[in-house]
PDB file of N, CA and C in Angstrom:
ATOM      1  N   MET A   1     -19.244  19.329  12.102  1.00  0.00           N
ATOM      2  CA  MET A   1     -17.891  19.744  12.415  1.00  0.00           C
ATOM      3  C   MET A   1     -17.420  20.868  11.493  1.00  0.00           C
ATOM      4  N   LEU A   2     -17.953  20.917  10.289  1.00  0.00           N
ATOM      5  CA  LEU A   2     -17.545  21.985   9.380  1.00  0.00           C
ATOM      6  C   LEU A   2     -17.918  23.361   9.912  1.00  0.00           C
ATOM      7  N   ILE A   3     -19.002  23.421  10.665  1.00  0.00           N
ATOM      8  CA  ILE A   3     -19.417  24.716  11.220  1.00  0.00           C
ATOM      9  C   ILE A   3     -18.357  25.255  12.181  1.00  0.00           C
ATOM     10  N   PHE A   4     -17.681  24.383  12.905  1.00  0.00           N
ATOM     11  CA  PHE A   4     -16.611  24.824  13.799  1.00  0.00           C
ATOM     12  C   PHE A   4     -15.440  25.389  13.001  1.00  0.00           C
ATOM     13  N   THR A   5     -15.172  24.801  11.862  1.00  0.00           N
ATOM     14  CA  THR A   5     -14.110  25.314  10.995  1.00  0.00           C
ATOM     15  C   THR A   5     -14.471  26.689  10.478  1.00  0.00           C
ATOM     16  N   VAL A   6     -15.719  26.862  10.083  1.00  0.00           N
ATOM     17  CA  VAL A   6     -16.180  28.162   9.595  1.00  0.00           C
ATOM     18  C   VAL A   6     -16.110  29.204  10.707  1.00  0.00           C
ATOM     19  N   VAL A   7     -16.657  28.870  11.861  1.00  0.00           N
ATOM     20  CA  VAL A   7     -16.652  29.811  12.988  1.00  0.00           C
ATOM     21  C   VAL A   7     -15.227  30.124  13.428  1.00  0.00           C
ATOM     22  N   GLY A   8     -14.367  29.128  13.397  1.00  0.00           N
ATOM     23  CA  GLY A   8     -13.000  29.305  13.870  1.00  0.00           C
ATOM     24  C   GLY A   8     -12.094  30.104  12.955  1.00  0.00           C
ATOM     25  N   SER A   9     -12.473  30.255  11.692  1.00  0.00           N
ATOM     26  CA  SER A   9     -11.556  30.943  10.782  1.00  0.00           C
ATOM     27  C   SER A   9     -12.177  32.073   9.971  1.00  0.00           C
ATOM     28  N   PHE A  10     -13.445  32.045   9.696  1.00  0.00           N
ATOM     29  CA  PHE A  10     -14.027  33.060   8.827  1.00  0.00           C
ATOM     30  C   PHE A  10     -14.095  34.435   9.487  1.00  0.00           C
ATOM     31  N   TRP A  11     -14.029  34.478  10.794  1.00  0.00           N
ATOM     32  CA  TRP A  11     -14.005  35.780  11.469  1.00  0.00           C
ATOM     33  C   TRP A  11     -12.739  36.550  11.119  1.00  0.00           C
ATOM     34  N   LEU A  12     -11.694  35.839  10.709  1.00  0.00           N
ATOM     35  CA  LEU A  12     -10.437  36.490  10.334  1.00  0.00           C
ATOM     36  C   LEU A  12     -10.637  37.432   9.151  1.00  0.00           C
ATOM     37  N   GLU A  13     -11.496  37.035   8.239  1.00  0.00           N
ATOM     38  CA  GLU A  13     -11.796  37.866   7.069  1.00  0.00           C
ATOM     39  C   GLU A  13     -12.425  39.189   7.494  1.00  0.00           C
ATOM     40  N   ILE A  14     -13.276  39.140   8.483  1.00  0.00           N
ATOM     41  CA  ILE A  14     -14.007  40.334   8.915  1.00  0.00           C
ATOM     42  C   ILE A  14     -13.141  41.228   9.801  1.00  0.00           C
ATOM     43  N   PHE A  15     -12.554  40.655  10.829  1.00  0.00           N
ATOM     44  CA  PHE A  15     -11.860  41.470  11.816  1.00  0.00           C
ATOM     45  C   PHE A  15     -10.433  41.843  11.427  1.00  0.00           C
ATOM     46  N   LEU A  16      -9.731  40.962  10.739  1.00  0.00           N
ATOM     47  CA  LEU A  16      -8.357  41.272  10.335  1.00  0.00           C
ATOM     48  C   LEU A  16      -8.272  41.733   8.885  1.00  0.00           C
ATOM     49  N   LYS A  17      -9.413  41.699   8.203  1.00  0.00           N
ATOM     50  CA  LYS A  17      -9.489  42.173   6.816  1.00  0.00           C
ATOM     51  C   LYS A  17      -8.393  41.559   5.938  1.00  0.00           C
ATOM     52  N   VAL A  18      -8.329  40.237   5.950  1.00  0.00           N
ATOM     53  CA  VAL A  18      -7.275  39.550   5.208  1.00  0.00           C
ATOM     54  C   VAL A  18      -7.500  39.571   3.697  1.00  0.00           C
ATOM     55  N   GLY A  19      -8.724  39.761   3.243  1.00  0.00           N
ATOM     56  CA  GLY A  19      -9.000  39.928   1.827  1.00  0.00           C
ATOM     57  C   GLY A  19      -9.004  38.666   0.989  1.00  0.00           C
ATOM     58  N   VAL A  20      -9.081  37.523   1.616  1.00  0.00           N
ATOM     59  CA  VAL A  20      -9.078  36.263   0.857  1.00  0.00           C
ATOM     60  C   VAL A  20     -10.352  36.146   0.019  1.00  0.00           C
ATOM     61  N   LEU A  21     -11.484  36.439   0.591  1.00  0.00           N
ATOM     62  CA  LEU A  21     -12.748  36.255  -0.106  1.00  0.00           C
ATOM     63  C   LEU A  21     -12.951  37.256  -1.244  1.00  0.00           C
ATOM     64  N   ARG A  22     -12.185  38.328  -1.263  1.00  0.00           N
ATOM     65  CA  ARG A  22     -12.257  39.283  -2.372  1.00  0.00           C
ATOM     66  C   ARG A  22     -11.485  38.788  -3.585  1.00  0.00           C
ATOM     67  N   ARG A  23     -10.590  37.846  -3.387  1.00  0.00           N
ATOM     68  CA  ARG A  23      -9.773  37.308  -4.489  1.00  0.00           C
ATOM     69  C   ARG A  23     -10.322  35.947  -4.912  1.00  0.00           C
ATOM     70  N   VAL A  24     -11.513  35.970  -5.477  1.00  0.00           N
ATOM     71  CA  VAL A  24     -12.242  34.740  -5.808  1.00  0.00           C
ATOM     72  C   VAL A  24     -11.461  33.871  -6.795  1.00  0.00           C
ATOM     73  N   LYS A  25     -10.881  34.487  -7.813  1.00  0.00           N
ATOM     74  CA  LYS A  25     -10.147  33.711  -8.811  1.00  0.00           C
ATOM     75  C   LYS A  25      -8.942  33.004  -8.183  1.00  0.00           C
ATOM     76  N   ARG A  26      -8.216  33.720  -7.339  1.00  0.00           N
ATOM     77  CA  ARG A  26      -7.042  33.124  -6.684  1.00  0.00           C
ATOM     78  C   ARG A  26      -7.454  31.982  -5.761  1.00  0.00           C
ATOM     79  N   VAL A  27      -8.542  32.181  -5.035  1.00  0.00           N
ATOM     80  CA  VAL A  27      -9.045  31.133  -4.140  1.00  0.00           C
ATOM     81  C   VAL A  27      -9.465  29.912  -4.954  1.00  0.00           C
ATOM     82  N   ALA A  28     -10.202  30.144  -6.031  1.00  0.00           N
ATOM     83  CA  ALA A  28     -10.657  29.028  -6.864  1.00  0.00           C
ATOM     84  C   ALA A  28      -9.482  28.269  -7.465  1.00  0.00           C
ATOM     85  N   LEU A  29      -8.474  28.988  -7.944  1.00  0.00           N
ATOM     86  CA  LEU A  29      -7.306  28.331  -8.528  1.00  0.00           C
ATOM     87  C   LEU A  29      -6.491  27.576  -7.475  1.00  0.00           C
ATOM     88  N   SER A  30      -6.598  27.998  -6.236  1.00  0.00           N
ATOM     89  CA  SER A  30      -5.882  27.322  -5.151  1.00  0.00           C
ATOM     90  C   SER A  30      -6.606  26.073  -4.667  1.00  0.00           C
ATOM     91  N   ILE A  31      -7.921  26.120  -4.644  1.00  0.00           N
ATOM     92  CA  ILE A  31      -8.699  25.059  -4.009  1.00  0.00           C
ATOM     93  C   ILE A  31      -9.265  24.047  -5.004  1.00  0.00           C
ATOM     94  N   LEU A  32      -9.852  24.507  -6.083  1.00  0.00           N
ATOM     95  CA  LEU A  32     -10.614  23.610  -6.954  1.00  0.00           C
ATOM     96  C   LEU A  32      -9.806  22.487  -7.607  1.00  0.00           C
ATOM     97  N   PRO A  33      -8.593  22.725  -8.104  1.00  0.00           N
ATOM     98  CA  PRO A  33      -7.863  21.592  -8.703  1.00  0.00           C
ATOM     99  C   PRO A  33      -7.602  20.458  -7.707  1.00  0.00           C
ATOM    100  N   VAL A  34      -7.236  20.815  -6.504  1.00  0.00           N
ATOM    101  CA  VAL A  34      -6.956  19.794  -5.485  1.00  0.00           C
ATOM    102  C   VAL A  34      -8.252  19.124  -5.039  1.00  0.00           C
ATOM    103  N   ALA A  35      -9.311  19.916  -4.869  1.00  0.00           N
ATOM    104  CA  ALA A  35     -10.605  19.340  -4.481  1.00  0.00           C
ATOM    105  C   ALA A  35     -11.080  18.339  -5.525  1.00  0.00           C
ATOM    106  N   LEU A  36     -10.899  18.667  -6.786  1.00  0.00           N
ATOM    107  CA  LEU A  36     -11.319  17.760  -7.850  1.00  0.00           C
ATOM    108  C   LEU A  36     -10.562  16.437  -7.782  1.00  0.00           C
ATOM    109  N   ILE A  37      -9.268  16.508  -7.557  1.00  0.00           N
ATOM    110  CA  ILE A  37      -8.469  15.281  -7.431  1.00  0.00           C
ATOM    111  C   ILE A  37      -8.981  14.413  -6.284  1.00  0.00           C
ATOM    112  N   PHE A  38      -9.238  15.027  -5.141  1.00  0.00           N
ATOM    113  CA  PHE A  38      -9.699  14.252  -3.984  1.00  0.00           C
ATOM    114  C   PHE A  38     -11.116  13.724  -4.174  1.00  0.00           C
ATOM    115  N   LEU A  39     -11.960  14.460  -4.878  1.00  0.00           N
ATOM    116  CA  LEU A  39     -13.307  13.958  -5.144  1.00  0.00           C
ATOM    117  C   LEU A  39     -13.264  12.757  -6.095  1.00  0.00           C
ATOM    118  N   VAL A  40     -12.383  12.803  -7.080  1.00  0.00           N
ATOM    119  CA  VAL A  40     -12.209  11.649  -7.964  1.00  0.00           C
ATOM    120  C   VAL A  40     -11.683  10.464  -7.155  1.00  0.00           C
ATOM    121  N   TRP A  41     -10.752  10.740  -6.262  1.00  0.00           N
ATOM    122  CA  TRP A  41     -10.204   9.694  -5.394  1.00  0.00           C
ATOM    123  C   TRP A  41     -11.319   9.088  -4.532  1.00  0.00           C
ATOM    124  N   ASP A  42     -12.164   9.947  -3.948  1.00  0.00           N
ATOM    125  CA  ASP A  42     -13.287   9.459  -3.149  1.00  0.00           C
ATOM    126  C   ASP A  42     -14.183   8.550  -3.978  1.00  0.00           C
ATOM    127  N   TYR A  43     -14.505   9.007  -5.175  1.00  0.00           N
ATOM    128  CA  TYR A  43     -15.374   8.215  -6.038  1.00  0.00           C
ATOM    129  C   TYR A  43     -14.754   6.844  -6.309  1.00  0.00           C
ATOM    130  N   TYR A  44     -13.473   6.835  -6.643  1.00  0.00           N
ATOM    131  CA  TYR A  44     -12.796   5.563  -6.903  1.00  0.00           C
ATOM    132  C   TYR A  44     -12.840   4.662  -5.668  1.00  0.00           C
ATOM    133  N   ALA A  45     -12.516   5.225  -4.513  1.00  0.00           N
ATOM    134  CA  ALA A  45     -12.454   4.422  -3.296  1.00  0.00           C
ATOM    135  C   ALA A  45     -13.816   3.853  -2.926  1.00  0.00           C
ATOM    136  N   VAL A  46     -14.862   4.642  -3.091  1.00  0.00           N
ATOM    137  CA  VAL A  46     -16.210   4.148  -2.789  1.00  0.00           C
ATOM    138  C   VAL A  46     -16.622   3.102  -3.816  1.00  0.00           C
ATOM    139  N   SER A  47     -16.350   3.366  -5.095  1.00  0.00           N
ATOM    140  CA  SER A  47     -16.705   2.418  -6.159  1.00  0.00           C
ATOM    141  C   SER A  47     -15.988   1.080  -5.992  1.00  0.00           C
ATOM    142  N   ALA A  48     -14.748   1.140  -5.537  1.00  0.00           N
ATOM    143  CA  ALA A  48     -13.958  -0.073  -5.351  1.00  0.00           C
ATOM    144  C   ALA A  48     -14.246  -0.768  -4.022  1.00  0.00           C
ATOM    145  N   GLY A  49     -15.063  -0.147  -3.175  1.00  0.00           N
ATOM    146  CA  GLY A  49     -15.398  -0.752  -1.894  1.00  0.00           C
ATOM    147  C   GLY A  49     -14.356  -0.553  -0.809  1.00  0.00           C
ATOM    148  N   HIS A  50     -13.408   0.358  -1.029  1.00  0.00           N
ATOM    149  CA  HIS A  50     -12.379   0.623  -0.021  1.00  0.00           C
ATOM    150  C   HIS A  50     -12.952   1.351   1.188  1.00  0.00           C
ATOM    151  N   TRP A  51     -13.908   2.226   0.942  1.00  0.00           N
ATOM    152  CA  TRP A  51     -14.627   2.861   2.049  1.00  0.00           C
ATOM    153  C   TRP A  51     -15.983   3.302   1.575  1.00  0.00           C
ATOM    154  N   TRP A  52     -16.786   3.780   2.542  1.00  0.00           N
ATOM    155  CA  TRP A  52     -18.156   4.173   2.246  1.00  0.00           C
ATOM    156  C   TRP A  52     -18.523   5.311   3.178  1.00  0.00           C
ATOM    157  N   PHE A  53     -19.644   5.910   2.876  1.00  0.00           N
ATOM    158  CA  PHE A  53     -20.176   6.978   3.715  1.00  0.00           C
ATOM    159  C   PHE A  53     -21.411   6.435   4.414  1.00  0.00           C
ATOM    160  N   ASP A  54     -21.366   6.439   5.733  1.00  0.00           N
ATOM    161  CA  ASP A  54     -22.473   5.930   6.532  1.00  0.00           C
ATOM    162  C   ASP A  54     -23.675   6.862   6.373  1.00  0.00           C
ATOM    163  N   GLU A  55     -24.756   6.344   5.855  1.00  0.00           N
ATOM    164  CA  GLU A  55     -25.939   7.170   5.603  1.00  0.00           C
ATOM    165  C   GLU A  55     -26.544   7.731   6.884  1.00  0.00           C
ATOM    166  N   ASN A  56     -26.205   7.160   8.030  1.00  0.00           N
ATOM    167  CA  ASN A  56     -26.677   7.698   9.308  1.00  0.00           C
ATOM    168  C   ASN A  56     -25.844   8.891   9.761  1.00  0.00           C
ATOM    169  N   GLN A  57     -24.707   9.109   9.109  1.00  0.00           N
ATOM    170  CA  GLN A  57     -23.796  10.183   9.511  1.00  0.00           C
ATOM    171  C   GLN A  57     -23.767  11.357   8.527  1.00  0.00           C
ATOM    172  N   VAL A  58     -24.572  11.309   7.482  1.00  0.00           N
ATOM    173  CA  VAL A  58     -24.618  12.389   6.493  1.00  0.00           C
ATOM    174  C   VAL A  58     -26.038  12.936   6.435  1.00  0.00           C
ATOM    175  N   VAL A  59     -26.186  14.140   5.870  1.00  0.00           N
ATOM    176  CA  VAL A  59     -27.510  14.767   5.841  1.00  0.00           C
ATOM    177  C   VAL A  59     -28.430  14.160   4.788  1.00  0.00           C
ATOM    178  N   GLY A  60     -27.885  13.382   3.874  1.00  0.00           N
ATOM    179  CA  GLY A  60     -28.713  12.704   2.901  1.00  0.00           C
ATOM    180  C   GLY A  60     -28.782  13.372   1.540  1.00  0.00           C
ATOM    181  N   ILE A  61     -27.990  14.421   1.344  1.00  0.00           N
ATOM    182  CA  ILE A  61     -27.918  15.068   0.037  1.00  0.00           C
ATOM    183  C   ILE A  61     -26.656  14.560  -0.647  1.00  0.00           C
ATOM    184  N   PHE A  62     -26.836  13.977  -1.809  1.00  0.00           N
ATOM    185  CA  PHE A  62     -25.708  13.376  -2.523  1.00  0.00           C
ATOM    186  C   PHE A  62     -25.516  14.066  -3.863  1.00  0.00           C
ATOM    187  N   GLY A  63     -24.268  14.257  -4.218  1.00  0.00           N
ATOM    188  CA  GLY A  63     -23.930  14.860  -5.493  1.00  0.00           C
ATOM    189  C   GLY A  63     -23.633  13.807  -6.530  1.00  0.00           C
ATOM    190  N   PRO A  64     -22.942  14.210  -7.575  1.00  0.00           N
ATOM    191  CA  PRO A  64     -22.580  13.257  -8.622  1.00  0.00           C
ATOM    192  C   PRO A  64     -21.800  12.075  -8.045  1.00  0.00           C
ATOM    193  N   LYS A  65     -22.078  10.918  -8.590  1.00  0.00           N
ATOM    194  CA  LYS A  65     -21.386   9.674  -8.223  1.00  0.00           C
ATOM    195  C   LYS A  65     -21.624   9.272  -6.772  1.00  0.00           C
ATOM    196  N   GLY A  66     -22.673   9.800  -6.138  1.00  0.00           N
ATOM    197  CA  GLY A  66     -23.029   9.398  -4.785  1.00  0.00           C
ATOM    198  C   GLY A  66     -22.167   9.962  -3.679  1.00  0.00           C
ATOM    199  N   ILE A  67     -21.400  11.000  -3.975  1.00  0.00           N
ATOM    200  CA  ILE A  67     -20.568  11.641  -2.945  1.00  0.00           C
ATOM    201  C   ILE A  67     -21.468  12.574  -2.128  1.00  0.00           C
ATOM    202  N   PRO A  68     -21.472  12.456  -0.796  1.00  0.00           N
ATOM    203  CA  PRO A  68     -22.361  13.291   0.011  1.00  0.00           C
ATOM    204  C   PRO A  68     -21.931  14.763   0.029  1.00  0.00           C
ATOM    205  N   LEU A  69     -22.897  15.614   0.265  1.00  0.00           N
ATOM    206  CA  LEU A  69     -22.676  17.054   0.317  1.00  0.00           C
ATOM    207  C   LEU A  69     -21.541  17.422   1.266  1.00  0.00           C
ATOM    208  N   GLU A  70     -21.493  16.755   2.415  1.00  0.00           N
ATOM    209  CA  GLU A  70     -20.466  17.065   3.400  1.00  0.00           C
ATOM    210  C   GLU A  70     -19.053  16.894   2.846  1.00  0.00           C
ATOM    211  N   GLU A  71     -18.882  15.928   1.963  1.00  0.00           N
ATOM    212  CA  GLU A  71     -17.562  15.681   1.393  1.00  0.00           C
ATOM    213  C   GLU A  71     -17.169  16.822   0.452  1.00  0.00           C
ATOM    214  N   PHE A  72     -18.110  17.283  -0.347  1.00  0.00           N
ATOM    215  CA  PHE A  72     -17.848  18.434  -1.215  1.00  0.00           C
ATOM    216  C   PHE A  72     -17.497  19.659  -0.376  1.00  0.00           C
ATOM    217  N   LEU A  73     -18.293  19.902   0.662  1.00  0.00           N
ATOM    218  CA  LEU A  73     -18.049  21.059   1.527  1.00  0.00           C
ATOM    219  C   LEU A  73     -16.703  20.959   2.239  1.00  0.00           C
ATOM    220  N   PHE A  74     -16.341  19.756   2.668  1.00  0.00           N
ATOM    221  CA  PHE A  74     -15.067  19.564   3.346  1.00  0.00           C
ATOM    222  C   PHE A  74     -13.911  20.024   2.475  1.00  0.00           C
ATOM    223  N   PHE A  75     -13.939  19.642   1.196  1.00  0.00           N
ATOM    224  CA  PHE A  75     -12.831  19.977   0.296  1.00  0.00           C
ATOM    225  C   PHE A  75     -12.822  21.438  -0.124  1.00  0.00           C
ATOM    226  N   ILE A  76     -13.860  22.183   0.215  1.00  0.00           N
ATOM    227  CA  ILE A  76     -13.880  23.620  -0.029  1.00  0.00           C
ATOM    228  C   ILE A  76     -13.610  24.393   1.268  1.00  0.00           C
ATOM    229  N   VAL A  77     -14.314  24.041   2.327  1.00  0.00           N
ATOM    230  CA  VAL A  77     -14.256  24.800   3.582  1.00  0.00           C
ATOM    231  C   VAL A  77     -12.900  24.686   4.272  1.00  0.00           C
ATOM    232  N   VAL A  78     -12.353  23.499   4.378  1.00  0.00           N
ATOM    233  CA  VAL A  78     -11.092  23.323   5.099  1.00  0.00           C
ATOM    234  C   VAL A  78      -9.926  24.041   4.404  1.00  0.00           C
ATOM    235  N   PRO A  79      -9.750  23.900   3.088  1.00  0.00           N
ATOM    236  CA  PRO A  79      -8.677  24.672   2.446  1.00  0.00           C
ATOM    237  C   PRO A  79      -8.914  26.183   2.525  1.00  0.00           C
ATOM    238  N   LEU A  80     -10.171  26.609   2.431  1.00  0.00           N
ATOM    239  CA  LEU A  80     -10.466  28.035   2.547  1.00  0.00           C
ATOM    240  C   LEU A  80     -10.107  28.533   3.946  1.00  0.00           C
ATOM    241  N   ALA A  81     -10.400  27.749   4.960  1.00  0.00           N
ATOM    242  CA  ALA A  81     -10.021  28.114   6.326  1.00  0.00           C
ATOM    243  C   ALA A  81      -8.503  28.205   6.456  1.00  0.00           C
ATOM    244  N   SER A  82      -7.793  27.313   5.787  1.00  0.00           N
ATOM    245  CA  SER A  82      -6.325  27.361   5.815  1.00  0.00           C
ATOM    246  C   SER A  82      -5.806  28.633   5.156  1.00  0.00           C
ATOM    247  N   LEU A  83      -6.386  28.990   4.014  1.00  0.00           N
ATOM    248  CA  LEU A  83      -5.979  30.234   3.351  1.00  0.00           C
ATOM    249  C   LEU A  83      -6.266  31.453   4.223  1.00  0.00           C
ATOM    250  N   LEU A  84      -7.437  31.461   4.850  1.00  0.00           N
ATOM    251  CA  LEU A  84      -7.775  32.570   5.744  1.00  0.00           C
ATOM    252  C   LEU A  84      -6.780  32.670   6.894  1.00  0.00           C
ATOM    253  N   THR A  85      -6.408  31.531   7.443  1.00  0.00           N
ATOM    254  CA  THR A  85      -5.483  31.521   8.574  1.00  0.00           C
ATOM    255  C   THR A  85      -4.097  32.003   8.173  1.00  0.00           C
ATOM    256  N   ILE A  86      -3.558  31.510   7.073  1.00  0.00           N
ATOM    257  CA  ILE A  86      -2.212  31.920   6.683  1.00  0.00           C
ATOM    258  C   ILE A  86      -2.192  33.390   6.287  1.00  0.00           C
ATOM    259  N   GLU A  87      -3.252  33.871   5.665  1.00  0.00           N
ATOM    260  CA  GLU A  87      -3.311  35.295   5.316  1.00  0.00           C
ATOM    261  C   GLU A  87      -3.466  36.165   6.564  1.00  0.00           C
ATOM    262  N   ALA A  88      -4.147  35.662   7.567  1.00  0.00           N
ATOM    263  CA  ALA A  88      -4.253  36.399   8.835  1.00  0.00           C
ATOM    264  C   ALA A  88      -2.888  36.503   9.504  1.00  0.00           C
ATOM    265  N   VAL A  89      -2.149  35.407   9.485  1.00  0.00           N
ATOM    266  CA  VAL A  89      -0.792  35.438  10.042  1.00  0.00           C
ATOM    267  C   VAL A  89       0.058  36.420   9.246  1.00  0.00           C
ATOM    268  N   ARG A  90      -0.088  36.410   7.935  1.00  0.00           N
ATOM    269  CA  ARG A  90       0.681  37.319   7.085  1.00  0.00           C
ATOM    270  C   ARG A  90       0.373  38.783   7.406  1.00  0.00           C
ATOM    271  N   THR A  91      -0.880  39.094   7.714  1.00  0.00           N
ATOM    272  CA  THR A  91      -1.219  40.484   8.040  1.00  0.00           C
ATOM    273  C   THR A  91      -0.661  40.909   9.394  1.00  0.00           C
ATOM    274  N   GLN A  92      -0.530  39.957  10.299  1.00  0.00           N
ATOM    275  CA  GLN A  92      -0.036  40.280  11.639  1.00  0.00           C
ATOM    276  C   GLN A  92       1.484  40.199  11.746  1.00  0.00           C
ATOM    277  N   LYS A  93       2.088  39.377  10.942  1.00  0.00           N
ATOM    278  CA  LYS A  93       3.544  39.168  10.973  1.00  0.00           C
ATOM    279  C   LYS A  93       4.111  39.535   9.605  1.00  0.00           C
ATOM    280  N   ARG A  94       4.071  40.793   9.266  1.00  0.00           N
ATOM    281  CA  ARG A  94       4.459  41.250   7.932  1.00  0.00           C
ATOM    282  C   ARG A  94       5.912  40.922   7.579  1.00  0.00           C
ATOM    283  N   HIS A  95       6.762  40.757   8.573  1.00  0.00           N
ATOM    284  CA  HIS A  95       8.174  40.460   8.304  1.00  0.00           C
ATOM    285  C   HIS A  95       8.418  38.976   7.996  1.00  0.00           C
ATOM    286  N   TRP A  96       7.437  38.104   8.239  1.00  0.00           N
ATOM    287  CA  TRP A  96       7.594  36.699   7.921  1.00  0.00           C
ATOM    288  C   TRP A  96       7.527  36.505   6.427  1.00  0.00           C
ATOM    289  N   LYS A  97       8.382  35.654   5.903  1.00  0.00           N
ATOM    290  CA  LYS A  97       8.387  35.331   4.478  1.00  0.00           C
ATOM    291  C   LYS A  97       7.650  34.019   4.246  1.00  0.00           C
ATOM    292  N   PHE A  98       6.795  34.008   3.238  1.00  0.00           N
ATOM    293  CA  PHE A  98       6.001  32.819   2.940  1.00  0.00           C
ATOM    294  C   PHE A  98       6.379  32.168   1.634  1.00  0.00           C
ATOM    295  N   GLY A  99       7.233  32.812   0.844  1.00  0.00           N
ATOM    296  CA  GLY A  99       7.711  32.204  -0.379  1.00  0.00           C
ATOM    297  C   GLY A  99       7.013  32.654  -1.634  1.00  0.00           C
ATOM    298  N   ASP A 100       5.917  33.428  -1.520  1.00  0.00           N
ATOM    299  CA  ASP A 100       5.247  33.875  -2.728  1.00  0.00           C
ATOM    300  C   ASP A 100       5.372  35.385  -2.935  1.00  0.00           C
ATOM    301  N   GLU A 101       6.277  35.991  -2.177  1.00  0.00           N
ATOM    302  CA  GLU A 101       6.496  37.429  -2.327  1.00  0.00           C
ATOM    303  C   GLU A 101       7.295  37.695  -3.585  1.00  0.00           C
ATOM    304  N   SER A 102       7.028  38.811  -4.230  1.00  0.00           N
ATOM    305  CA  SER A 102       7.774  39.166  -5.453  1.00  0.00           C
ATOM    306  C   SER A 102       9.047  39.897  -5.090  1.00  0.00           C
TER     307      SER A 102
END
């Protein structure tokens, strides 16, 4: 399913030239703190038995603390797609205010 997210939003970077991927530091500061919180939450929930990852539904590559690769990618790809989308809207609707204008 992540591939659909990539296909559905990453073209915005190429065709609308939104420039999100050129601002690596800004993207990292936007995504990584929240991703880290959710990954810690995932670890806690799995450790406590609140939920689990079905080994038949993952590719079988696990990161630290047994979190599957797909979970790491989810917390990077989905927020990045959101940033690409909002920046695409910003390029097309320049008169819209988003709250971070100086």
